[in-house]
Protein backbone atom coordinates (compact mmCIF):
# COMPACT_ATOMS: atom_id res chain seq x y z
CA MET A 1 -30.95 28.40 -32.01
CA THR A 2 -28.31 27.66 -35.02
CA HIS A 3 -29.94 26.24 -37.92
CA ILE A 4 -28.46 23.07 -39.95
CA ARG A 5 -28.99 25.00 -43.46
CA VAL A 6 -30.12 22.57 -46.10
CA MET A 7 -29.59 23.02 -50.00
CA MET A 8 -31.92 20.71 -51.81
CA VAL A 9 -31.28 19.74 -55.63
CA GLU A 10 -34.59 17.91 -57.25
CA ASP A 11 -36.07 18.26 -60.55
CA ASP A 12 -39.90 17.58 -59.11
CA PRO A 13 -41.02 21.07 -57.60
CA ASP A 14 -43.68 19.29 -55.67
CA TRP A 15 -41.23 17.02 -54.27
CA ILE A 16 -39.41 20.19 -53.42
CA LYS A 17 -42.06 22.19 -52.11
CA ALA A 18 -43.39 18.81 -49.73
CA VAL A 19 -40.03 18.02 -48.31
CA THR A 20 -39.19 21.86 -47.48
CA ALA A 21 -42.19 21.95 -45.72
CA PHE A 22 -41.30 18.60 -43.86
CA LEU A 23 -37.89 19.79 -42.93
CA ASN A 24 -38.76 23.51 -42.11
CA ARG A 25 -40.84 21.78 -39.26
CA GLU A 26 -37.99 20.60 -37.66
CA ALA A 27 -36.48 23.13 -34.95
CA ASP A 28 -33.08 23.06 -35.88
CA LEU A 29 -33.37 22.84 -39.85
CA LEU A 30 -33.88 24.86 -42.13
CA VAL A 31 -34.03 24.73 -46.35
CA VAL A 32 -31.93 27.94 -47.41
CA GLY A 33 -32.54 27.25 -51.45
CA SER A 34 -32.97 24.60 -54.22
CA ALA A 35 -32.38 23.78 -57.53
CA THR A 36 -33.61 21.53 -60.19
CA THR A 37 -30.79 21.07 -62.74
CA ALA A 38 -27.40 19.85 -61.97
CA GLU A 39 -25.91 23.09 -63.69
CA GLU A 40 -28.28 25.45 -61.43
CA ALA A 41 -27.21 23.45 -58.58
CA VAL A 42 -23.37 23.80 -59.02
CA ARG A 43 -23.90 27.62 -59.58
CA LEU A 44 -26.34 28.21 -56.51
CA ALA A 45 -23.67 26.10 -54.11
CA LYS A 46 -21.27 28.92 -54.98
CA GLU A 47 -23.72 31.22 -54.02
CA LEU A 48 -25.49 30.15 -50.68
CA ALA A 49 -24.26 29.45 -47.57
CA PHE A 50 -25.00 26.04 -46.77
CA ASP A 51 -24.13 22.91 -44.62
CA VAL A 52 -26.01 19.90 -46.24
CA VAL A 53 -26.84 19.27 -49.63
CA LEU A 54 -30.07 16.65 -50.53
CA MET A 55 -29.03 15.48 -54.06
CA ASP A 56 -31.51 13.75 -56.16
CA ILE A 57 -29.45 11.05 -58.19
CA GLN A 58 -31.30 11.18 -61.02
CA LEU A 59 -31.80 14.57 -62.72
CA SER A 60 -33.68 15.90 -66.01
CA ASP A 61 -34.29 12.29 -66.65
CA LYS A 62 -30.13 11.67 -66.87
CA GLU A 63 -29.05 8.98 -65.00
CA TYR A 64 -26.76 9.79 -62.25
CA GLU A 65 -26.60 13.34 -63.40
CA GLY A 66 -26.88 14.30 -59.36
CA ILE A 67 -23.64 12.37 -58.89
CA HIS A 68 -21.87 14.26 -61.67
CA ALA A 69 -23.26 17.63 -59.87
CA ALA A 70 -22.21 16.30 -56.53
CA MET A 71 -18.80 15.81 -57.61
CA ASP A 72 -18.26 19.52 -58.93
CA ILE A 73 -19.95 20.69 -55.75
CA HIS A 74 -17.29 18.66 -53.80
CA ALA A 75 -14.50 20.20 -55.89
CA THR A 76 -15.24 23.50 -55.11
CA HIS A 77 -17.29 23.41 -51.57
CA PRO A 78 -16.17 20.81 -48.41
CA ALA A 79 -20.00 19.84 -48.59
CA LYS A 80 -22.19 17.03 -46.64
CA ILE A 81 -23.93 15.67 -49.66
CA VAL A 82 -26.82 13.04 -48.93
CA MET A 83 -28.12 11.11 -52.13
CA LEU A 84 -31.45 10.74 -52.76
CA THR A 85 -33.22 8.07 -54.86
CA SER A 86 -36.03 6.36 -56.09
CA VAL A 87 -34.86 3.01 -56.65
CA ARG A 88 -31.93 1.36 -54.42
CA ASP A 89 -29.02 0.67 -57.02
CA GLU A 90 -25.65 -0.74 -55.88
CA ARG A 91 -23.90 1.03 -58.58
CA ALA A 92 -25.19 4.23 -57.68
CA MET A 93 -24.38 4.01 -54.21
CA THR A 94 -20.70 3.06 -55.06
CA GLN A 95 -20.45 5.92 -57.47
CA SER A 96 -22.38 8.36 -55.00
CA PHE A 97 -19.35 7.25 -52.08
CA THR A 98 -16.61 8.27 -55.01
CA ALA A 99 -18.31 11.60 -55.95
CA GLY A 100 -17.80 12.72 -52.06
CA ALA A 101 -21.39 11.73 -50.74
CA ILE A 102 -21.65 10.61 -47.13
CA ASP A 103 -24.93 8.88 -46.95
CA TYR A 104 -27.53 7.48 -49.22
CA ILE A 105 -31.39 7.62 -49.00
CA GLU A 106 -34.23 6.06 -50.62
CA LYS A 107 -37.02 8.92 -51.10
CA THR A 108 -39.54 6.61 -49.57
CA ARG A 109 -37.58 6.70 -46.52
CA PHE A 110 -38.15 10.66 -46.56
CA GLN A 111 -39.01 10.67 -42.82
CA GLU A 112 -35.41 9.55 -42.02
CA LEU A 113 -34.15 12.44 -43.67
CA PRO A 114 -34.17 15.11 -40.69
CA GLN A 115 -31.87 12.57 -38.84
CA ALA A 116 -29.85 11.82 -41.79
CA ILE A 117 -28.95 15.52 -42.19
CA ARG A 118 -28.29 16.24 -38.59
CA LYS A 119 -25.71 12.83 -38.84
CA ALA A 120 -24.05 14.51 -41.92
CA TYR A 121 -23.79 17.49 -40.23
CA HIS A 122 -22.17 16.36 -37.11
CA HIS A 123 -19.77 13.93 -39.41
CA ALA A 124 -21.73 10.79 -38.02
CA ALA A 125 -23.05 9.57 -41.78
CA PRO A 126 -22.64 5.85 -42.21
CA MET A 127 -20.54 6.76 -45.85
CA GLU A 128 -18.17 9.40 -43.70
CA ALA A 129 -17.41 6.38 -41.23
CA LEU A 130 -16.62 4.31 -44.33
CA LEU A 131 -14.40 6.60 -45.95
CA LYS A 132 -12.40 7.25 -42.58
CA GLU A 133 -11.84 3.77 -42.71
CA PHE A 134 -11.03 3.48 -46.19
CA SER A 135 -8.48 6.19 -45.90
CA ARG A 136 -6.70 4.75 -42.83
CA LEU A 137 -6.47 1.35 -44.80
CA LYS A 138 -4.87 3.35 -47.95
CA ARG A 139 -2.59 5.10 -45.74
CA GLU A 140 -1.32 1.70 -44.00
CA GLU A 141 -0.74 0.17 -47.44
CA GLN A 142 1.33 3.30 -48.52
CA LEU A 143 3.44 3.14 -45.50
CA LYS A 144 3.67 -0.57 -45.44
CA GLU A 145 7.10 -0.63 -46.96
CA LEU A 146 8.74 1.55 -44.20
CA THR A 147 10.79 0.19 -41.36
CA ILE A 148 9.45 1.16 -38.10
CA ALA A 149 12.07 3.83 -37.71
CA GLU A 150 11.16 5.26 -41.21
CA ARG A 151 7.76 5.38 -39.90
CA GLU A 152 8.32 7.10 -37.28
CA VAL A 153 10.33 9.88 -38.92
CA PHE A 154 7.49 10.15 -41.42
CA GLU A 155 4.84 10.46 -39.02
CA LEU A 156 6.90 13.66 -37.17
CA ILE A 157 7.37 15.06 -40.60
CA GLU A 158 3.52 14.61 -41.59
CA ASP A 159 2.81 16.23 -38.17
CA GLY A 160 4.94 19.43 -38.83
CA TYR A 161 8.26 19.00 -37.45
CA THR A 162 11.07 20.42 -38.84
CA GLN A 163 14.39 17.97 -39.57
CA PRO A 164 16.30 19.51 -36.68
CA GLN A 165 13.39 19.15 -34.48
CA ILE A 166 12.96 15.40 -35.28
CA GLY A 167 16.40 14.69 -34.62
CA LYS A 168 16.28 16.61 -31.41
CA LYS A 169 12.84 14.62 -30.15
CA LEU A 170 14.30 10.92 -31.45
CA PHE A 171 17.96 11.68 -30.16
CA LYS A 172 19.50 10.84 -33.84
CA ALA A 173 22.21 12.03 -35.18
CA GLU A 174 21.97 14.50 -38.44
CA SER A 175 23.79 12.18 -40.80
CA THR A 176 21.63 9.30 -39.14
CA LEU A 177 18.34 10.84 -39.77
CA LYS A 178 19.32 12.23 -43.39
CA ASN A 179 19.87 8.72 -44.31
CA GLN A 180 16.57 7.23 -43.05
CA ILE A 181 14.74 10.38 -44.73
CA ASN A 182 16.19 9.49 -48.06
CA LYS A 183 15.59 5.86 -47.60
CA MET A 184 12.00 6.94 -46.76
CA LEU A 185 11.64 9.11 -49.76
CA LYS A 186 13.00 6.40 -52.13
CA LYS A 187 10.36 3.88 -50.82
CA LEU A 188 7.71 6.52 -51.51
CA GLY A 189 8.74 7.37 -54.75
CA ALA A 190 8.96 11.07 -53.60
CA LYS A 191 11.68 13.69 -54.02
CA SER A 192 11.16 15.78 -50.83
CA SER A 193 9.50 15.12 -47.42
CA ARG A 194 6.86 17.37 -48.39
CA GLU A 195 6.28 15.77 -51.42
CA ALA A 196 5.91 12.41 -49.23
CA VAL A 197 3.32 13.49 -47.13
CA GLU A 198 1.25 14.75 -50.01
CA LEU A 199 1.48 11.58 -51.78
CA VAL A 200 0.08 9.63 -49.06
CA ARG A 201 -2.44 12.11 -48.11
CA LYS A 202 -3.54 11.99 -51.63
CA LYS A 203 -3.82 8.11 -52.32
CA GLY A 204 -5.22 8.05 -48.61
CA LEU A 205 -7.75 10.92 -49.41
CA GLY A 206 -7.07 12.96 -46.55
CA PRO A 207 -5.04 13.45 -43.52
CA LYS A 208 -4.44 11.09 -40.70
CA PRO A 209 -7.65 9.13 -39.91
CA GLY A 210 -8.95 10.65 -36.80
CA GLU A 211 -6.95 13.94 -36.67
CA GLY A 212 -7.74 17.24 -37.77
CA ASP A 213 -5.76 20.11 -38.26
CA SER A 214 -4.24 19.72 -34.98
CA ARG A 215 -0.49 19.77 -34.63
CA HIS A 216 1.73 18.55 -31.73
CA ASP A 217 3.62 21.51 -30.07
CA HIS A 218 7.25 22.00 -30.64
């Protein structure tokens, strides 16, 4: 059986020991390493092969230190991060989401950790669903100024079509297509089609929601 590899970040060694034993009793889970400080966590994340991180929000008595560590890890590794906390804190929840965490669990609910890890691993965590919806809304906001025809062109560019291929697919003359692209670029504040796509993706936090790396055949 393939294990879901878990990395733990927690400044209480006894809690690490107890939760490690608890998680390793699950047939599909395996704790592969742990860190007690933010610095150690960032370093370990570069060395370990892991799937999910359990990250304590407060490390070394520093408020939200775990959130900062999550941001540093997420900047270099597409990690699935589940934040842990001793006290429910709405501000911490929001900051965790911003830092790239995809779930947030109170330590008193530790019995829910195995299922939370599985959901994170299989892209079914609550914050991940919220992030996808947020991405969709941001993308819609970016494209709302485009006409239907311009948007159709933009989405084909986003899917990797070249200008000649778009013209052929939409039965548009080269001059008509070029005019639509120029108007689209002006509305999006971009100098090129590639820049337009990058701007929308950056503000929308990713590719078109619901899509992976797949592209139309052309």
